Amino acid sequence: MQINPVIIFGAGPLGLVALDIFRANDIVVYGFLDDDAKLHGTTVQEVPVLGSTDDDGFLKLIGQKCDAFIAVDDVRLRKSLTEMLNTRRKVQPANAVHPAATVAASASLSYGCMIGPGAVVNSGASLGAHVLVHAGAVVDAQAQVEDFVQIGARALVGMGATLHSEAFVGAGAMVVPGLQIGKSARVGAGSVVVESVPAKVTVFGNPAAKVSA
């Protein structure tokens, strides 16, 4: 089976994580695309920053012979770049799964996901598109994670919990089994969530409570 090289969108910290994941899988990273003009013509860990994310000269490489991965934290920008790849190149971003991660055979992943080193996606868990699961995080059995969710390092999403689209779970947080974390809700780092969180609400603490505006 042919393994294509990858162009990474975003040369920041998340781009470095993606670079490490692809290198650990012996996949060549052709270069970065980043909208910070100061980075153009430089290298990041010996990989060139080729140009901007909308540079047609490099975008035309993406397709049958080159894959793309979007390595930016901002949800709006991730969505915009995904739409651009869908529209202009008719492709979906690749997944980046570290070889030191554990993904159960019965788990499912959509496209554009990142699974960091030591992370676990357990039996029957489901990840939508563009989900970021950082190092050491656990998505336990039968948990459902929708599109554009980010799960911080060493966080635990309990059995059967549901994280709705664009939710954020901070580093070291725990979501008790079976709970619902609503669309665009945010769970602060180290929090213990013992009851479901409505959409667009931020919670923090142990037990987690709503953060006043």
C-alpha atoms as a PDB file:
ATOM      1  CA  MET A   1       0.000   0.000   0.000  1.00  0.00           C
ATOM      2  CA  GLN A   2       1.354   3.408  -0.967  1.00  0.00           C
ATOM      3  CA  ILE A   3       1.863   5.810   1.955  1.00  0.00           C
ATOM      4  CA  ASN A   4       1.657   9.421   0.843  1.00  0.00           C
ATOM      5  CA  PRO A   5       3.754  12.247   2.248  1.00  0.00           C
ATOM      6  CA  VAL A   6       1.890  14.903   4.242  1.00  0.00           C
ATOM      7  CA  ILE A   7       1.642  18.680   4.228  1.00  0.00           C
ATOM      8  CA  ILE A   8       0.812  20.054   7.694  1.00  0.00           C
ATOM      9  CA  PHE A   9      -1.340  23.166   7.971  1.00  0.00           C
ATOM     10  CA  GLY A  10       0.015  25.107  10.943  1.00  0.00           C
ATOM     11  CA  ALA A  11       3.640  25.343  12.089  1.00  0.00           C
ATOM     12  CA  GLY A  12       2.856  26.107  15.738  1.00  0.00           C
ATOM     13  CA  PRO A  13       2.952  23.780  18.758  1.00  0.00           C
ATOM     14  CA  LEU A  14       0.205  21.499  17.439  1.00  0.00           C
ATOM     15  CA  GLY A  15       2.049  21.290  14.124  1.00  0.00           C
ATOM     16  CA  LEU A  16       5.126  20.049  15.983  1.00  0.00           C
ATOM     17  CA  VAL A  17       3.027  17.358  17.676  1.00  0.00           C
ATOM     18  CA  ALA A  18       1.671  16.297  14.285  1.00  0.00           C
ATOM     19  CA  LEU A  19       5.194  16.273  12.835  1.00  0.00           C
ATOM     20  CA  ASP A  20       6.353  13.938  15.613  1.00  0.00           C
ATOM     21  CA  ILE A  21       3.377  11.632  15.041  1.00  0.00           C
ATOM     22  CA  PHE A  22       3.977  11.347  11.310  1.00  0.00           C
ATOM     23  CA  ARG A  23       7.714  10.817  11.778  1.00  0.00           C
ATOM     24  CA  ALA A  24       7.005   8.111  14.376  1.00  0.00           C
ATOM     25  CA  ASN A  25       4.925   6.380  11.689  1.00  0.00           C
ATOM     26  CA  ASP A  26       7.749   6.761   9.113  1.00  0.00           C
ATOM     27  CA  ILE A  27       5.619   9.142   7.038  1.00  0.00           C
ATOM     28  CA  VAL A  28       7.449  11.938   5.232  1.00  0.00           C
ATOM     29  CA  VAL A  29       6.289  15.481   5.995  1.00  0.00           C
ATOM     30  CA  TYR A  30       6.736  17.489   2.813  1.00  0.00           C
ATOM     31  CA  GLY A  31       6.419  20.813   4.615  1.00  0.00           C
ATOM     32  CA  PHE A  32       4.249  23.214   6.592  1.00  0.00           C
ATOM     33  CA  LEU A  33       1.807  25.833   5.370  1.00  0.00           C
ATOM     34  CA  ASP A  34       1.248  28.706   7.784  1.00  0.00           C
ATOM     35  CA  ASP A  35      -0.250  32.195   7.450  1.00  0.00           C
ATOM     36  CA  ASP A  36       2.514  33.823   9.522  1.00  0.00           C
ATOM     37  CA  ALA A  37       4.650  35.403   6.789  1.00  0.00           C
ATOM     38  CA  LYS A  38       7.618  35.603   9.178  1.00  0.00           C
ATOM     39  CA  LEU A  39       7.855  31.814   9.097  1.00  0.00           C
ATOM     40  CA  HIS A  40       7.917  31.505   5.306  1.00  0.00           C
ATOM     41  CA  GLY A  41      11.279  30.310   4.051  1.00  0.00           C
ATOM     42  CA  THR A  42      12.322  29.053   7.486  1.00  0.00           C
ATOM     43  CA  THR A  43      12.459  25.495   8.763  1.00  0.00           C
ATOM     44  CA  VAL A  44      10.861  23.830  11.774  1.00  0.00           C
ATOM     45  CA  GLN A  45      12.857  20.797  12.926  1.00  0.00           C
ATOM     46  CA  GLU A  46      14.422  20.699   9.449  1.00  0.00           C
ATOM     47  CA  VAL A  47      11.020  20.775   7.707  1.00  0.00           C
ATOM     48  CA  PRO A  48      10.406  23.857   5.509  1.00  0.00           C
ATOM     49  CA  VAL A  49       7.563  26.304   6.002  1.00  0.00           C
ATOM     50  CA  LEU A  50       6.558  26.515   2.364  1.00  0.00           C
ATOM     51  CA  GLY A  51       4.037  29.346   2.319  1.00  0.00           C
ATOM     52  CA  SER A  52       0.515  30.360   3.276  1.00  0.00           C
ATOM     53  CA  THR A  53      -2.412  27.987   3.774  1.00  0.00           C
ATOM     54  CA  ASP A  54      -4.082  29.287   0.576  1.00  0.00           C
ATOM     55  CA  ASP A  55      -0.996  29.052  -1.670  1.00  0.00           C
ATOM     56  CA  ASP A  56      -2.235  27.339  -4.849  1.00  0.00           C
ATOM     57  CA  GLY A  57       1.281  26.352  -5.836  1.00  0.00           C
ATOM     58  CA  PHE A  58       1.445  23.978  -2.875  1.00  0.00           C
ATOM     59  CA  LEU A  59      -2.247  23.185  -2.511  1.00  0.00           C
ATOM     60  CA  LYS A  60      -2.202  21.570  -5.950  1.00  0.00           C
ATOM     61  CA  LEU A  61       0.131  18.899  -4.542  1.00  0.00           C
ATOM     62  CA  ILE A  62      -2.600  17.681  -2.194  1.00  0.00           C
ATOM     63  CA  GLY A  63      -4.634  14.840  -3.615  1.00  0.00           C
ATOM     64  CA  GLN A  64      -3.630  11.428  -4.874  1.00  0.00           C
ATOM     65  CA  LYS A  65       0.088  11.835  -4.121  1.00  0.00           C
ATOM     66  CA  CYS A  66       0.093  13.998  -0.984  1.00  0.00           C
ATOM     67  CA  ASP A  67      -2.157  14.142   2.086  1.00  0.00           C
ATOM     68  CA  ALA A  68      -2.942  17.085   4.359  1.00  0.00           C
ATOM     69  CA  PHE A  69      -3.322  17.435   8.106  1.00  0.00           C
ATOM     70  CA  ILE A  70      -4.754  20.505   9.875  1.00  0.00           C
ATOM     71  CA  ALA A  71      -2.772  21.262  13.039  1.00  0.00           C
ATOM     72  CA  VAL A  72      -4.420  24.352  14.490  1.00  0.00           C
ATOM     73  CA  ASP A  73      -6.318  24.686  17.777  1.00  0.00           C
ATOM     74  CA  ASP A  74      -8.807  27.364  16.761  1.00  0.00           C
ATOM     75  CA  VAL A  75     -12.085  25.694  15.767  1.00  0.00           C
ATOM     76  CA  ARG A  76     -13.144  28.393  13.315  1.00  0.00           C
ATOM     77  CA  LEU A  77      -9.834  28.206  11.489  1.00  0.00           C
ATOM     78  CA  ARG A  78      -9.925  24.398  11.453  1.00  0.00           C
ATOM     79  CA  LYS A  79     -13.382  24.545   9.911  1.00  0.00           C
ATOM     80  CA  SER A  80     -12.320  27.125   7.349  1.00  0.00           C
ATOM     81  CA  LEU A  81      -9.263  25.134   6.277  1.00  0.00           C
ATOM     82  CA  THR A  82     -11.308  21.943   6.082  1.00  0.00           C
ATOM     83  CA  GLU A  83     -13.888  23.629   3.870  1.00  0.00           C
ATOM     84  CA  MET A  84     -11.111  24.962   1.657  1.00  0.00           C
ATOM     85  CA  LEU A  85      -9.598  21.482   1.226  1.00  0.00           C
ATOM     86  CA  ASN A  86     -13.043  20.010   0.534  1.00  0.00           C
ATOM     87  CA  THR A  87     -13.867  22.693  -2.047  1.00  0.00           C
ATOM     88  CA  ARG A  88     -10.563  23.283  -3.809  1.00  0.00           C
ATOM     89  CA  ARG A  89      -8.907  19.861  -3.568  1.00  0.00           C
ATOM     90  CA  LYS A  90     -11.922  17.549  -3.027  1.00  0.00           C
ATOM     91  CA  VAL A  91     -10.117  15.783  -0.174  1.00  0.00           C
ATOM     92  CA  GLN A  92     -10.490  15.243   3.555  1.00  0.00           C
ATOM     93  CA  PRO A  93      -7.572  15.707   5.982  1.00  0.00           C
ATOM     94  CA  ALA A  94      -5.680  12.602   7.073  1.00  0.00           C
ATOM     95  CA  ASN A  95      -5.662  11.171  10.585  1.00  0.00           C
ATOM     96  CA  ALA A  96      -2.526  11.410  12.747  1.00  0.00           C
ATOM     97  CA  VAL A  97      -2.354   8.515  15.222  1.00  0.00           C
ATOM     98  CA  HIS A  98       0.818   8.075  17.259  1.00  0.00           C
ATOM     99  CA  PRO A  99       2.110   4.468  17.293  1.00  0.00           C
ATOM    100  CA  ALA A 100       2.284   4.675  21.097  1.00  0.00           C
ATOM    101  CA  ALA A 101      -1.469   5.359  21.263  1.00  0.00           C
ATOM    102  CA  THR A 102      -3.985   2.533  21.716  1.00  0.00           C
ATOM    103  CA  VAL A 103      -7.063   2.495  19.505  1.00  0.00           C
ATOM    104  CA  ALA A 104      -9.341  -0.503  20.014  1.00  0.00           C
ATOM    105  CA  ALA A 105     -10.263  -2.515  16.938  1.00  0.00           C
ATOM    106  CA  SER A 106     -13.939  -1.848  17.693  1.00  0.00           C
ATOM    107  CA  ALA A 107     -13.447   1.933  18.025  1.00  0.00           C
ATOM    108  CA  SER A 108     -14.180   4.200  15.065  1.00  0.00           C
ATOM    109  CA  LEU A 109     -12.462   7.346  13.824  1.00  0.00           C
ATOM    110  CA  SER A 110     -13.597   9.741  11.151  1.00  0.00           C
ATOM    111  CA  TYR A 111     -11.042  11.938   9.319  1.00  0.00           C
ATOM    112  CA  GLY A 112      -8.679  14.684  10.424  1.00  0.00           C
ATOM    113  CA  CYS A 113      -8.254  13.303  13.959  1.00  0.00           C
ATOM    114  CA  MET A 114      -5.102  13.454  16.060  1.00  0.00           C
ATOM    115  CA  ILE A 115      -4.409  10.813  18.722  1.00  0.00           C
ATOM    116  CA  GLY A 116      -1.323  11.654  20.784  1.00  0.00           C
ATOM    117  CA  PRO A 117       1.245   9.341  22.393  1.00  0.00           C
ATOM    118  CA  GLY A 118      -0.115   7.237  25.233  1.00  0.00           C
ATOM    119  CA  ALA A 119      -3.727   8.149  24.484  1.00  0.00           C
ATOM    120  CA  VAL A 120      -6.381   5.414  24.590  1.00  0.00           C
ATOM    121  CA  VAL A 121      -9.551   5.152  22.522  1.00  0.00           C
ATOM    122  CA  ASN A 122     -11.309   2.200  24.089  1.00  0.00           C
ATOM    123  CA  SER A 123     -13.713  -0.478  22.852  1.00  0.00           C
ATOM    124  CA  GLY A 124     -16.730   0.816  20.942  1.00  0.00           C
ATOM    125  CA  ALA A 125     -15.781   4.473  21.330  1.00  0.00           C
ATOM    126  CA  SER A 126     -16.599   6.722  18.392  1.00  0.00           C
ATOM    127  CA  LEU A 127     -14.672   9.818  17.286  1.00  0.00           C
ATOM    128  CA  GLY A 128     -16.098  12.222  14.742  1.00  0.00           C
ATOM    129  CA  ALA A 129     -14.043  14.391  12.390  1.00  0.00           C
ATOM    130  CA  HIS A 130     -11.218  16.693  13.499  1.00  0.00           C
ATOM    131  CA  VAL A 131     -11.091  15.422  17.073  1.00  0.00           C
ATOM    132  CA  LEU A 132      -7.904  16.183  19.005  1.00  0.00           C
ATOM    133  CA  VAL A 133      -7.012  13.643  21.721  1.00  0.00           C
ATOM    134  CA  HIS A 134      -3.823  14.805  23.396  1.00  0.00           C
ATOM    135  CA  ALA A 135      -1.089  12.738  25.037  1.00  0.00           C
ATOM    136  CA  GLY A 136      -2.245  10.273  27.680  1.00  0.00           C
ATOM    137  CA  ALA A 137      -5.946  11.103  27.401  1.00  0.00           C
ATOM    138  CA  VAL A 138      -8.505   8.283  27.630  1.00  0.00           C
ATOM    139  CA  VAL A 139     -11.760   8.024  25.720  1.00  0.00           C
ATOM    140  CA  ASP A 140     -13.339   5.077  27.466  1.00  0.00           C
ATOM    141  CA  ALA A 141     -15.592   2.347  26.110  1.00  0.00           C
ATOM    142  CA  GLN A 142     -18.726   3.389  24.198  1.00  0.00           C
ATOM    143  CA  ALA A 143     -18.019   7.098  24.618  1.00  0.00           C
ATOM    144  CA  GLN A 144     -19.202   9.259  21.727  1.00  0.00           C
ATOM    145  CA  VAL A 145     -17.092  12.242  20.655  1.00  0.00           C
ATOM    146  CA  GLU A 146     -18.512  14.485  17.961  1.00  0.00           C
ATOM    147  CA  ASP A 147     -16.749  16.714  15.395  1.00  0.00           C
ATOM    148  CA  PHE A 148     -14.135  19.347  16.329  1.00  0.00           C
ATOM    149  CA  VAL A 149     -13.863  18.289  19.984  1.00  0.00           C
ATOM    150  CA  GLN A 150     -10.563  18.757  21.825  1.00  0.00           C
ATOM    151  CA  ILE A 151      -9.564  16.543  24.772  1.00  0.00           C
ATOM    152  CA  GLY A 152      -6.562  17.718  26.793  1.00  0.00           C
ATOM    153  CA  ALA A 153      -3.569  15.698  27.934  1.00  0.00           C
ATOM    154  CA  ARG A 154      -4.353  13.015  30.552  1.00  0.00           C
ATOM    155  CA  ALA A 155      -8.072  13.824  30.557  1.00  0.00           C
ATOM    156  CA  LEU A 156     -10.548  10.976  31.058  1.00  0.00           C
ATOM    157  CA  VAL A 157     -13.854  10.723  29.217  1.00  0.00           C
ATOM    158  CA  GLY A 158     -15.826   8.036  31.029  1.00  0.00           C
ATOM    159  CA  MET A 159     -17.710   5.090  29.597  1.00  0.00           C
ATOM    160  CA  GLY A 160     -20.721   6.025  27.530  1.00  0.00           C
ATOM    161  CA  ALA A 161     -20.211   9.774  27.923  1.00  0.00           C
ATOM    162  CA  THR A 162     -21.027  12.039  24.973  1.00  0.00           C
ATOM    163  CA  LEU A 163     -18.991  15.093  23.983  1.00  0.00           C
ATOM    164  CA  HIS A 164     -21.001  17.149  21.527  1.00  0.00           C
ATOM    165  CA  SER A 165     -19.430  19.088  18.666  1.00  0.00           C
ATOM    166  CA  GLU A 166     -16.806  21.718  19.470  1.00  0.00           C
ATOM    167  CA  ALA A 167     -16.684  20.835  23.178  1.00  0.00           C
ATOM    168  CA  PHE A 168     -13.385  21.268  25.012  1.00  0.00           C
ATOM    169  CA  VAL A 169     -12.139  19.138  27.912  1.00  0.00           C
ATOM    170  CA  GLY A 170      -9.029  20.532  29.581  1.00  0.00           C
ATOM    171  CA  ALA A 171      -5.880  18.682  30.612  1.00  0.00           C
ATOM    172  CA  GLY A 172      -6.335  16.244  33.475  1.00  0.00           C
ATOM    173  CA  ALA A 173     -10.115  16.703  33.643  1.00  0.00           C
ATOM    174  CA  MET A 174     -12.489  13.811  34.309  1.00  0.00           C
ATOM    175  CA  VAL A 175     -15.945  13.369  32.795  1.00  0.00           C
ATOM    176  CA  VAL A 176     -17.949  10.820  34.789  1.00  0.00           C
ATOM    177  CA  PRO A 177     -19.411   7.913  32.739  1.00  0.00           C
ATOM    178  CA  GLY A 178     -22.659   8.524  30.905  1.00  0.00           C
ATOM    179  CA  LEU A 179     -22.686  12.325  31.056  1.00  0.00           C
ATOM    180  CA  GLN A 180     -23.364  14.789  28.229  1.00  0.00           C
ATOM    181  CA  ILE A 181     -21.008  17.691  27.510  1.00  0.00           C
ATOM    182  CA  GLY A 182     -22.979  20.077  25.308  1.00  0.00           C
ATOM    183  CA  LYS A 183     -22.029  21.723  22.033  1.00  0.00           C
ATOM    184  CA  SER A 184     -19.229  24.277  22.501  1.00  0.00           C
ATOM    185  CA  ALA A 185     -19.151  23.657  26.270  1.00  0.00           C
ATOM    186  CA  ARG A 186     -15.803  23.921  28.060  1.00  0.00           C
ATOM    187  CA  VAL A 187     -14.427  21.895  30.966  1.00  0.00           C
ATOM    188  CA  GLY A 188     -11.513  23.491  32.796  1.00  0.00           C
ATOM    189  CA  ALA A 189      -8.229  21.696  33.385  1.00  0.00           C
ATOM    190  CA  GLY A 190      -8.261  19.280  36.316  1.00  0.00           C
ATOM    191  CA  SER A 191     -12.018  19.499  36.780  1.00  0.00           C
ATOM    192  CA  VAL A 192     -14.212  16.566  37.801  1.00  0.00           C
ATOM    193  CA  VAL A 193     -17.540  16.690  35.976  1.00  0.00           C
ATOM    194  CA  VAL A 194     -20.265  14.870  37.916  1.00  0.00           C
ATOM    195  CA  GLU A 195     -23.327  16.131  36.042  1.00  0.00           C
ATOM    196  CA  SER A 196     -24.060  16.960  32.420  1.00  0.00           C
ATOM    197  CA  VAL A 197     -22.967  20.352  31.073  1.00  0.00           C
ATOM    198  CA  PRO A 198     -25.327  22.390  28.837  1.00  0.00           C
ATOM    199  CA  ALA A 199     -24.223  23.814  25.487  1.00  0.00           C
ATOM    200  CA  LYS A 200     -21.829  26.795  25.564  1.00  0.00           C
ATOM    201  CA  VAL A 201     -21.369  26.601  29.352  1.00  0.00           C
ATOM    202  CA  THR A 202     -17.912  26.633  30.989  1.00  0.00           C
ATOM    203  CA  VAL A 203     -17.373  24.605  34.161  1.00  0.00           C
ATOM    204  CA  PHE A 204     -14.400  24.324  36.474  1.00  0.00           C
ATOM    205  CA  GLY A 205     -13.438  22.692  39.774  1.00  0.00           C
ATOM    206  CA  ASN A 206     -14.028  19.513  41.766  1.00  0.00           C
ATOM    207  CA  PRO A 207     -16.900  18.990  41.541  1.00  0.00           C
ATOM    208  CA  ALA A 208     -17.142  21.124  38.414  1.00  0.00           C
ATOM    209  CA  ALA A 209     -19.448  24.149  38.657  1.00  0.00           C
ATOM    210  CA  LYS A 210     -20.518  26.782  36.160  1.00  0.00           C
ATOM    211  CA  VAL A 211     -18.091  29.665  35.813  1.00  0.00           C
ATOM    212  CA  SER A 212     -19.845  33.016  36.171  1.00  0.00           C
ATOM    213  CA  ALA A 213     -19.580  35.377  33.215  1.00  0.00           C
END
